[in-house]
PDB file of N, CA and C in Angstrom:
ATOM      1  N   MET A   1      69.265  59.327 -52.270  1.00  0.00           N
ATOM      2  CA  MET A   1      69.669  59.016 -53.619  1.00  0.00           C
ATOM      3  C   MET A   1      68.482  58.480 -54.398  1.00  0.00           C
ATOM      4  N   THR A   2      68.444  58.774 -55.656  1.00  0.00           N
ATOM      5  CA  THR A   2      67.412  58.241 -56.529  1.00  0.00           C
ATOM      6  C   THR A   2      68.050  57.211 -57.440  1.00  0.00           C
ATOM      7  N   ALA A   3      67.379  56.087 -57.604  1.00  0.00           N
ATOM      8  CA  ALA A   3      67.936  54.999 -58.416  1.00  0.00           C
ATOM      9  C   ALA A   3      66.845  54.337 -59.242  1.00  0.00           C
ATOM     10  N   GLU A   4      67.267  53.766 -60.354  1.00  0.00           N
ATOM     11  CA  GLU A   4      66.387  52.928 -61.160  1.00  0.00           C
ATOM     12  C   GLU A   4      66.726  51.483 -60.828  1.00  0.00           C
ATOM     13  N   ILE A   5      65.722  50.690 -60.473  1.00  0.00           N
ATOM     14  CA  ILE A   5      65.950  49.308 -60.033  1.00  0.00           C
ATOM     15  C   ILE A   5      65.057  48.371 -60.850  1.00  0.00           C
ATOM     16  N   TRP A   6      65.647  47.251 -61.313  1.00  0.00           N
ATOM     17  CA  TRP A   6      64.889  46.269 -62.074  1.00  0.00           C
ATOM     18  C   TRP A   6      65.412  44.870 -61.766  1.00  0.00           C
ATOM     19  N   PRO A   7      64.586  43.842 -61.975  1.00  0.00           N
ATOM     20  CA  PRO A   7      65.008  42.464 -61.685  1.00  0.00           C
ATOM     21  C   PRO A   7      66.179  42.032 -62.574  1.00  0.00           C
ATOM     22  N   ALA A   8      67.043  41.214 -62.026  1.00  0.00           N
ATOM     23  CA  ALA A   8      68.153  40.650 -62.798  1.00  0.00           C
ATOM     24  C   ALA A   8      67.595  39.677 -63.817  1.00  0.00           C
ATOM     25  N   GLY A   9      68.310  39.522 -64.902  1.00  0.00           N
ATOM     26  CA  GLY A   9      67.864  38.593 -65.933  1.00  0.00           C
ATOM     27  C   GLY A   9      68.932  38.445 -66.997  1.00  0.00           C
ATOM     28  N   GLY A  10      68.622  37.720 -68.009  1.00  0.00           N
ATOM     29  CA  GLY A  10      69.568  37.509 -69.091  1.00  0.00           C
ATOM     30  C   GLY A  10      70.454  36.304 -68.841  1.00  0.00           C
ATOM     31  N   LYS A  11      71.088  35.862 -69.896  1.00  0.00           N
ATOM     32  CA  LYS A  11      71.889  34.641 -69.845  1.00  0.00           C
ATOM     33  C   LYS A  11      73.071  34.764 -68.875  1.00  0.00           C
ATOM     34  N   LEU A  12      73.800  35.885 -68.936  1.00  0.00           N
ATOM     35  CA  LEU A  12      74.979  36.048 -68.090  1.00  0.00           C
ATOM     36  C   LEU A  12      74.615  36.025 -66.615  1.00  0.00           C
ATOM     37  N   GLN A  13      73.621  36.812 -66.222  1.00  0.00           N
ATOM     38  CA  GLN A  13      73.241  36.836 -64.807  1.00  0.00           C
ATOM     39  C   GLN A  13      72.646  35.503 -64.377  1.00  0.00           C
ATOM     40  N   ALA A  14      71.938  34.824 -65.240  1.00  0.00           N
ATOM     41  CA  ALA A  14      71.406  33.498 -64.905  1.00  0.00           C
ATOM     42  C   ALA A  14      72.552  32.526 -64.639  1.00  0.00           C
ATOM     43  N   GLU A  15      73.613  32.599 -65.435  1.00  0.00           N
ATOM     44  CA  GLU A  15      74.778  31.734 -65.215  1.00  0.00           C
ATOM     45  C   GLU A  15      75.518  32.108 -63.931  1.00  0.00           C
ATOM     46  N   LEU A  16      75.622  33.406 -63.649  1.00  0.00           N
ATOM     47  CA  LEU A  16      76.325  33.858 -62.446  1.00  0.00           C
ATOM     48  C   LEU A  16      75.599  33.484 -61.160  1.00  0.00           C
ATOM     49  N   TYR A  17      74.281  33.690 -61.142  1.00  0.00           N
ATOM     50  CA  TYR A  17      73.531  33.577 -59.894  1.00  0.00           C
ATOM     51  C   TYR A  17      72.657  32.340 -59.783  1.00  0.00           C
ATOM     52  N   GLY A  18      72.394  31.654 -60.868  1.00  0.00           N
ATOM     53  CA  GLY A  18      71.634  30.412 -60.821  1.00  0.00           C
ATOM     54  C   GLY A  18      70.327  30.529 -60.060  1.00  0.00           C
ATOM     55  N   GLN A  19      70.152  29.700 -59.032  1.00  0.00           N
ATOM     56  CA  GLN A  19      68.920  29.652 -58.239  1.00  0.00           C
ATOM     57  C   GLN A  19      68.642  30.969 -57.503  1.00  0.00           C
ATOM     58  N   LYS A  20      69.688  31.759 -57.238  1.00  0.00           N
ATOM     59  CA  LYS A  20      69.521  33.018 -56.505  1.00  0.00           C
ATOM     60  C   LYS A  20      69.041  34.165 -57.386  1.00  0.00           C
ATOM     61  N   LEU A  21      68.877  33.931 -58.684  1.00  0.00           N
ATOM     62  CA  LEU A  21      68.551  35.007 -59.625  1.00  0.00           C
ATOM     63  C   LEU A  21      67.326  35.806 -59.200  1.00  0.00           C
ATOM     64  N   SER A  22      66.319  35.161 -58.655  1.00  0.00           N
ATOM     65  CA  SER A  22      65.091  35.872 -58.262  1.00  0.00           C
ATOM     66  C   SER A  22      65.314  36.814 -57.073  1.00  0.00           C
ATOM     67  N   TYR A  23      66.448  36.681 -56.383  1.00  0.00           N
ATOM     68  CA  TYR A  23      66.767  37.550 -55.253  1.00  0.00           C
ATOM     69  C   TYR A  23      67.718  38.685 -55.631  1.00  0.00           C
ATOM     70  N   ILE A  24      68.065  38.781 -56.915  1.00  0.00           N
ATOM     71  CA  ILE A  24      69.025  39.772 -57.393  1.00  0.00           C
ATOM     72  C   ILE A  24      68.291  40.887 -58.123  1.00  0.00           C
ATOM     73  N   ARG A  25      68.717  42.132 -57.885  1.00  0.00           N
ATOM     74  CA  ARG A  25      68.192  43.306 -58.575  1.00  0.00           C
ATOM     75  C   ARG A  25      69.368  44.072 -59.167  1.00  0.00           C
ATOM     76  N   ASN A  26      69.119  44.701 -60.315  1.00  0.00           N
ATOM     77  CA  ASN A  26      70.070  45.624 -60.908  1.00  0.00           C
ATOM     78  C   ASN A  26      69.674  47.026 -60.478  1.00  0.00           C
ATOM     79  N   CYS A  27      70.657  47.892 -60.359  1.00  0.00           N
ATOM     80  CA  CYS A  27      70.403  49.245 -59.881  1.00  0.00           C
ATOM     81  C   CYS A  27      71.299  50.219 -60.634  1.00  0.00           C
ATOM     82  N   ARG A  28      70.731  51.339 -61.063  1.00  0.00           N
ATOM     83  CA  ARG A  28      71.510  52.388 -61.705  1.00  0.00           C
ATOM     84  C   ARG A  28      71.275  53.683 -60.956  1.00  0.00           C
ATOM     85  N   ILE A  29      72.365  54.306 -60.534  1.00  0.00           N
ATOM     86  CA  ILE A  29      72.282  55.584 -59.844  1.00  0.00           C
ATOM     87  C   ILE A  29      72.794  56.661 -60.787  1.00  0.00           C
ATOM     88  N   ASP A  30      71.969  57.653 -61.024  1.00  0.00           N
ATOM     89  CA  ASP A  30      72.379  58.791 -61.845  1.00  0.00           C
ATOM     90  C   ASP A  30      73.105  59.810 -60.977  1.00  0.00           C
ATOM     91  N   GLY A  31      73.937  60.593 -61.597  1.00  0.00           N
ATOM     92  CA  GLY A  31      74.628  61.653 -60.874  1.00  0.00           C
ATOM     93  C   GLY A  31      76.132  61.465 -60.909  1.00  0.00           C
ATOM     94  N   GLU A  32      76.814  62.531 -60.576  1.00  0.00           N
ATOM     95  CA  GLU A  32      78.270  62.488 -60.566  1.00  0.00           C
ATOM     96  C   GLU A  32      78.771  61.824 -59.290  1.00  0.00           C
ATOM     97  N   TYR A  33      79.818  61.057 -59.444  1.00  0.00           N
ATOM     98  CA  TYR A  33      80.436  60.404 -58.295  1.00  0.00           C
ATOM     99  C   TYR A  33      81.944  60.471 -58.447  1.00  0.00           C
ATOM    100  N   LYS A  34      82.616  60.309 -57.321  1.00  0.00           N
ATOM    101  CA  LYS A  34      84.075  60.267 -57.305  1.00  0.00           C
ATOM    102  C   LYS A  34      84.506  58.913 -56.764  1.00  0.00           C
ATOM    103  N   VAL A  35      85.611  58.419 -57.267  1.00  0.00           N
ATOM    104  CA  VAL A  35      86.153  57.142 -56.813  1.00  0.00           C
ATOM    105  C   VAL A  35      87.245  57.437 -55.794  1.00  0.00           C
ATOM    106  N   GLN A  36      87.176  56.739 -54.661  1.00  0.00           N
ATOM    107  CA  GLN A  36      88.170  56.924 -53.596  1.00  0.00           C
ATOM    108  C   GLN A  36      88.665  55.557 -53.150  1.00  0.00           C
ATOM    109  N   THR A  37      89.974  55.423 -53.008  1.00  0.00           N
ATOM    110  CA  THR A  37      90.579  54.177 -52.544  1.00  0.00           C
ATOM    111  C   THR A  37      91.200  54.425 -51.180  1.00  0.00           C
ATOM    112  N   ASP A  38      90.928  53.531 -50.207  1.00  0.00           N
ATOM    113  CA  ASP A  38      91.514  53.705 -48.876  1.00  0.00           C
ATOM    114  C   ASP A  38      92.878  53.023 -48.809  1.00  0.00           C
ATOM    115  N   ALA A  39      93.495  53.057 -47.639  1.00  0.00           N
ATOM    116  CA  ALA A  39      94.841  52.508 -47.449  1.00  0.00           C
ATOM    117  C   ALA A  39      94.901  50.997 -47.695  1.00  0.00           C
ATOM    118  N   LYS A  40      93.776  50.307 -47.520  1.00  0.00           N
ATOM    119  CA  LYS A  40      93.735  48.850 -47.731  1.00  0.00           C
ATOM    120  C   LYS A  40      93.366  48.484 -49.164  1.00  0.00           C
ATOM    121  N   GLY A  41      93.182  49.483 -50.031  1.00  0.00           N
ATOM    122  CA  GLY A  41      92.852  49.224 -51.422  1.00  0.00           C
ATOM    123  C   GLY A  41      91.369  49.055 -51.706  1.00  0.00           C
ATOM    124  N   LYS A  42      90.523  49.284 -50.704  1.00  0.00           N
ATOM    125  CA  LYS A  42      89.073  49.176 -50.917  1.00  0.00           C
ATOM    126  C   LYS A  42      88.570  50.432 -51.614  1.00  0.00           C
ATOM    127  N   ILE A  43      87.715  50.225 -52.606  1.00  0.00           N
ATOM    128  CA  ILE A  43      87.201  51.325 -53.410  1.00  0.00           C
ATOM    129  C   ILE A  43      85.833  51.750 -52.907  1.00  0.00           C
ATOM    130  N   SER A  44      85.663  53.068 -52.753  1.00  0.00           N
ATOM    131  CA  SER A  44      84.376  53.656 -52.402  1.00  0.00           C
ATOM    132  C   SER A  44      83.972  54.607 -53.515  1.00  0.00           C
ATOM    133  N   TYR A  45      82.674  54.769 -53.688  1.00  0.00           N
ATOM    134  CA  TYR A  45      82.123  55.682 -54.679  1.00  0.00           C
ATOM    135  C   TYR A  45      81.379  56.764 -53.916  1.00  0.00           C
ATOM    136  N   LEU A  46      81.828  58.003 -54.055  1.00  0.00           N
ATOM    137  CA  LEU A  46      81.294  59.113 -53.278  1.00  0.00           C
ATOM    138  C   LEU A  46      80.274  59.907 -54.080  1.00  0.00           C
ATOM    139  N   PHE A  47      79.082  60.058 -53.507  1.00  0.00           N
ATOM    140  CA  PHE A  47      78.033  60.924 -54.031  1.00  0.00           C
ATOM    141  C   PHE A  47      77.861  62.033 -53.006  1.00  0.00           C
ATOM    142  N   GLY A  48      78.549  63.140 -53.195  1.00  0.00           N
ATOM    143  CA  GLY A  48      78.525  64.195 -52.190  1.00  0.00           C
ATOM    144  C   GLY A  48      79.160  63.675 -50.913  1.00  0.00           C
ATOM    145  N   THR A  49      78.387  63.617 -49.830  1.00  0.00           N
ATOM    146  CA  THR A  49      78.913  63.134 -48.549  1.00  0.00           C
ATOM    147  C   THR A  49      78.632  61.649 -48.319  1.00  0.00           C
ATOM    148  N   LYS A  50      77.890  61.024 -49.217  1.00  0.00           N
ATOM    149  CA  LYS A  50      77.556  59.605 -49.070  1.00  0.00           C
ATOM    150  C   LYS A  50      78.545  58.744 -49.839  1.00  0.00           C
ATOM    151  N   ALA A  51      79.043  57.721 -49.181  1.00  0.00           N
ATOM    152  CA  ALA A  51      79.973  56.783 -49.805  1.00  0.00           C
ATOM    153  C   ALA A  51      79.338  55.401 -49.828  1.00  0.00           C
ATOM    154  N   ILE A  52      79.483  54.708 -50.959  1.00  0.00           N
ATOM    155  CA  ILE A  52      78.995  53.334 -51.048  1.00  0.00           C
ATOM    156  C   ILE A  52      80.114  52.445 -51.556  1.00  0.00           C
ATOM    157  N   ARG A  53      80.059  51.179 -51.145  1.00  0.00           N
ATOM    158  CA  ARG A  53      81.032  50.194 -51.618  1.00  0.00           C
ATOM    159  C   ARG A  53      80.400  48.819 -51.595  1.00  0.00           C
ATOM    160  N   GLU A  54      81.028  47.877 -52.284  1.00  0.00           N
ATOM    161  CA  GLU A  54      80.525  46.506 -52.297  1.00  0.00           C
ATOM    162  C   GLU A  54      80.475  45.979 -50.866  1.00  0.00           C
ATOM    163  N   GLY A  55      79.411  45.260 -50.553  1.00  0.00           N
ATOM    164  CA  GLY A  55      79.224  44.708 -49.215  1.00  0.00           C
ATOM    165  C   GLY A  55      78.336  45.566 -48.332  1.00  0.00           C
ATOM    166  N   ASP A  56      78.105  46.819 -48.709  1.00  0.00           N
ATOM    167  CA  ASP A  56      77.236  47.699 -47.924  1.00  0.00           C
ATOM    168  C   ASP A  56      75.787  47.254 -48.038  1.00  0.00           C
ATOM    169  N   GLY A  57      75.018  47.513 -47.001  1.00  0.00           N
ATOM    170  CA  GLY A  57      73.583  47.308 -47.043  1.00  0.00           C
ATOM    171  C   GLY A  57      72.927  48.521 -47.662  1.00  0.00           C
ATOM    172  N   ILE A  58      71.777  48.312 -48.289  1.00  0.00           N
ATOM    173  CA  ILE A  58      71.066  49.416 -48.926  1.00  0.00           C
ATOM    174  C   ILE A  58      69.560  49.197 -48.764  1.00  0.00           C
ATOM    175  N   CYS A  59      68.845  50.268 -48.475  1.00  0.00           N
ATOM    176  CA  CYS A  59      67.392  50.201 -48.317  1.00  0.00           C
ATOM    177  C   CYS A  59      66.745  50.436 -49.675  1.00  0.00           C
ATOM    178  N   VAL A  60      66.080  49.415 -50.199  1.00  0.00           N
ATOM    179  CA  VAL A  60      65.447  49.504 -51.510  1.00  0.00           C
ATOM    180  C   VAL A  60      63.932  49.609 -51.354  1.00  0.00           C
ATOM    181  N   TYR A  61      63.328  48.617 -50.703  1.00  0.00           N
ATOM    182  CA  TYR A  61      61.873  48.582 -50.555  1.00  0.00           C
ATOM    183  C   TYR A  61      61.434  48.842 -49.118  1.00  0.00           C
ATOM    184  N   VAL A  62      62.332  49.380 -48.299  1.00  0.00           N
ATOM    185  CA  VAL A  62      62.014  49.741 -46.919  1.00  0.00           C
ATOM    186  C   VAL A  62      62.446  51.186 -46.704  1.00  0.00           C
ATOM    187  N   PRO A  63      61.861  51.874 -45.710  1.00  0.00           N
ATOM    188  CA  PRO A  63      62.271  53.257 -45.424  1.00  0.00           C
ATOM    189  C   PRO A  63      63.754  53.340 -45.044  1.00  0.00           C
ATOM    190  N   GLY A  64      64.365  54.475 -45.299  1.00  0.00           N
ATOM    191  CA  GLY A  64      65.788  54.678 -45.048  1.00  0.00           C
ATOM    192  C   GLY A  64      66.224  54.463 -43.614  1.00  0.00           C
ATOM    193  N   GLU A  65      65.334  54.655 -42.660  1.00  0.00           N
ATOM    194  CA  GLU A  65      65.707  54.466 -41.253  1.00  0.00           C
ATOM    195  C   GLU A  65      65.584  53.004 -40.811  1.00  0.00           C
ATOM    196  N   SER A  66      65.093  52.140 -41.687  1.00  0.00           N
ATOM    197  CA  SER A  66      64.967  50.707 -41.390  1.00  0.00           C
ATOM    198  C   SER A  66      66.295  49.995 -41.615  1.00  0.00           C
ATOM    199  N   ASN A  67      66.344  48.721 -41.217  1.00  0.00           N
ATOM    200  CA  ASN A  67      67.497  47.897 -41.558  1.00  0.00           C
ATOM    201  C   ASN A  67      67.497  47.669 -43.067  1.00  0.00           C
ATOM    202  N   PRO A  68      68.678  47.616 -43.701  1.00  0.00           N
ATOM    203  CA  PRO A  68      68.738  47.404 -45.152  1.00  0.00           C
ATOM    204  C   PRO A  68      68.075  46.088 -45.553  1.00  0.00           C
ATOM    205  N   ASP A  69      67.438  46.089 -46.719  1.00  0.00           N
ATOM    206  CA  ASP A  69      66.822  44.866 -47.224  1.00  0.00           C
ATOM    207  C   ASP A  69      67.630  44.246 -48.363  1.00  0.00           C
ATOM    208  N   TYR A  70      68.650  44.940 -48.860  1.00  0.00           N
ATOM    209  CA  TYR A  70      69.533  44.413 -49.906  1.00  0.00           C
ATOM    210  C   TYR A  70      70.982  44.709 -49.557  1.00  0.00           C
ATOM    211  N   LYS A  71      71.880  43.929 -50.150  1.00  0.00           N
ATOM    212  CA  LYS A  71      73.318  44.108 -49.992  1.00  0.00           C
ATOM    213  C   LYS A  71      73.919  44.329 -51.379  1.00  0.00           C
ATOM    214  N   ILE A  72      74.866  45.258 -51.489  1.00  0.00           N
ATOM    215  CA  ILE A  72      75.536  45.524 -52.757  1.00  0.00           C
ATOM    216  C   ILE A  72      76.558  44.416 -52.988  1.00  0.00           C
ATOM    217  N   ILE A  73      76.386  43.642 -54.064  1.00  0.00           N
ATOM    218  CA  ILE A  73      77.312  42.531 -54.330  1.00  0.00           C
ATOM    219  C   ILE A  73      78.286  42.847 -55.466  1.00  0.00           C
ATOM    220  N   ALA A  74      77.966  43.847 -56.290  1.00  0.00           N
ATOM    221  CA  ALA A  74      78.882  44.239 -57.364  1.00  0.00           C
ATOM    222  C   ALA A  74      78.599  45.681 -57.757  1.00  0.00           C
ATOM    223  N   ILE A  75      79.653  46.422 -58.061  1.00  0.00           N
ATOM    224  CA  ILE A  75      79.524  47.797 -58.544  1.00  0.00           C
ATOM    225  C   ILE A  75      80.289  47.895 -59.851  1.00  0.00           C
ATOM    226  N   ARG A  76      79.642  48.469 -60.842  1.00  0.00           N
ATOM    227  CA  ARG A  76      80.252  48.661 -62.157  1.00  0.00           C
ATOM    228  C   ARG A  76      80.245  50.155 -62.475  1.00  0.00           C
ATOM    229  N   PRO A  77      81.406  50.795 -62.394  1.00  0.00           N
ATOM    230  CA  PRO A  77      81.470  52.246 -62.609  1.00  0.00           C
ATOM    231  C   PRO A  77      81.573  52.617 -64.091  1.00  0.00           C
ATOM    232  N   TYR A  78      80.447  52.870 -64.703  1.00  0.00           N
ATOM    233  CA  TYR A  78      80.404  53.372 -66.065  1.00  0.00           C
ATOM    234  C   TYR A  78      80.059  54.854 -65.981  1.00  0.00           C
ATOM    235  N   ARG A  79      79.446  55.407 -67.011  1.00  0.00           N
ATOM    236  CA  ARG A  79      79.020  56.806 -66.952  1.00  0.00           C
ATOM    237  C   ARG A  79      78.081  57.008 -65.760  1.00  0.00           C
ATOM    238  N   HIS A  80      77.146  56.069 -65.604  1.00  0.00           N
ATOM    239  CA  HIS A  80      76.314  56.005 -64.402  1.00  0.00           C
ATOM    240  C   HIS A  80      76.877  54.868 -63.566  1.00  0.00           C
ATOM    241  N   LEU A  81      76.563  54.843 -62.299  1.00  0.00           N
ATOM    242  CA  LEU A  81      77.023  53.763 -61.437  1.00  0.00           C
ATOM    243  C   LEU A  81      75.989  52.640 -61.462  1.00  0.00           C
ATOM    244  N   TYR A  82      76.394  51.461 -61.924  1.00  0.00           N
ATOM    245  CA  TYR A  82      75.519  50.286 -61.959  1.00  0.00           C
ATOM    246  C   TYR A  82      75.909  49.346 -60.821  1.00  0.00           C
ATOM    247  N   MET A  83      74.901  48.804 -60.151  1.00  0.00           N
ATOM    248  CA  MET A  83      75.167  47.887 -59.046  1.00  0.00           C
ATOM    249  C   MET A  83      74.286  46.652 -59.192  1.00  0.00           C
ATOM    250  N   GLU A  84      74.753  45.564 -58.615  1.00  0.00           N
ATOM    251  CA  GLU A  84      73.932  44.368 -58.472  1.00  0.00           C
ATOM    252  C   GLU A  84      73.681  44.199 -56.991  1.00  0.00           C
ATOM    253  N   LEU A  85      72.417  44.004 -56.637  1.00  0.00           N
ATOM    254  CA  LEU A  85      71.994  43.919 -55.241  1.00  0.00           C
ATOM    255  C   LEU A  85      71.415  42.537 -54.973  1.00  0.00           C
ATOM    256  N   GLU A  86      71.649  42.035 -53.765  1.00  0.00           N
ATOM    257  CA  GLU A  86      71.092  40.740 -53.369  1.00  0.00           C
ATOM    258  C   GLU A  86      70.211  40.931 -52.141  1.00  0.00           C
ATOM    259  N   LYS A  87      69.037  40.324 -52.171  1.00  0.00           N
ATOM    260  CA  LYS A  87      68.100  40.376 -51.036  1.00  0.00           C
ATOM    261  C   LYS A  87      68.748  39.788 -49.796  1.00  0.00           C
ATOM    262  N   ILE A  88      68.645  40.485 -48.687  1.00  0.00           N
ATOM    263  CA  ILE A  88      69.208  39.995 -47.421  1.00  0.00           C
ATOM    264  C   ILE A  88      68.189  39.099 -46.747  1.00  0.00           C
TER     265      ILE A  88
END
């Protein structure tokens, strides 16, 4: 997947994350996705065969075969999929 990633900032995110703000990144993934809900009500966002959801680990600054270096803490499904990531 290709994504645009930038540091968190602004008044709202500063209020939400406080001291942790420097460990938070914003992420935007371009492309079409489908929303899928499982039997327990958990929402997944499908990009082809790849599914992502809040709480998943994601490799941002490490190779894909490495352990994830960030965790998805929030997903905002707009035209593009926006996520907030926290350094693990």
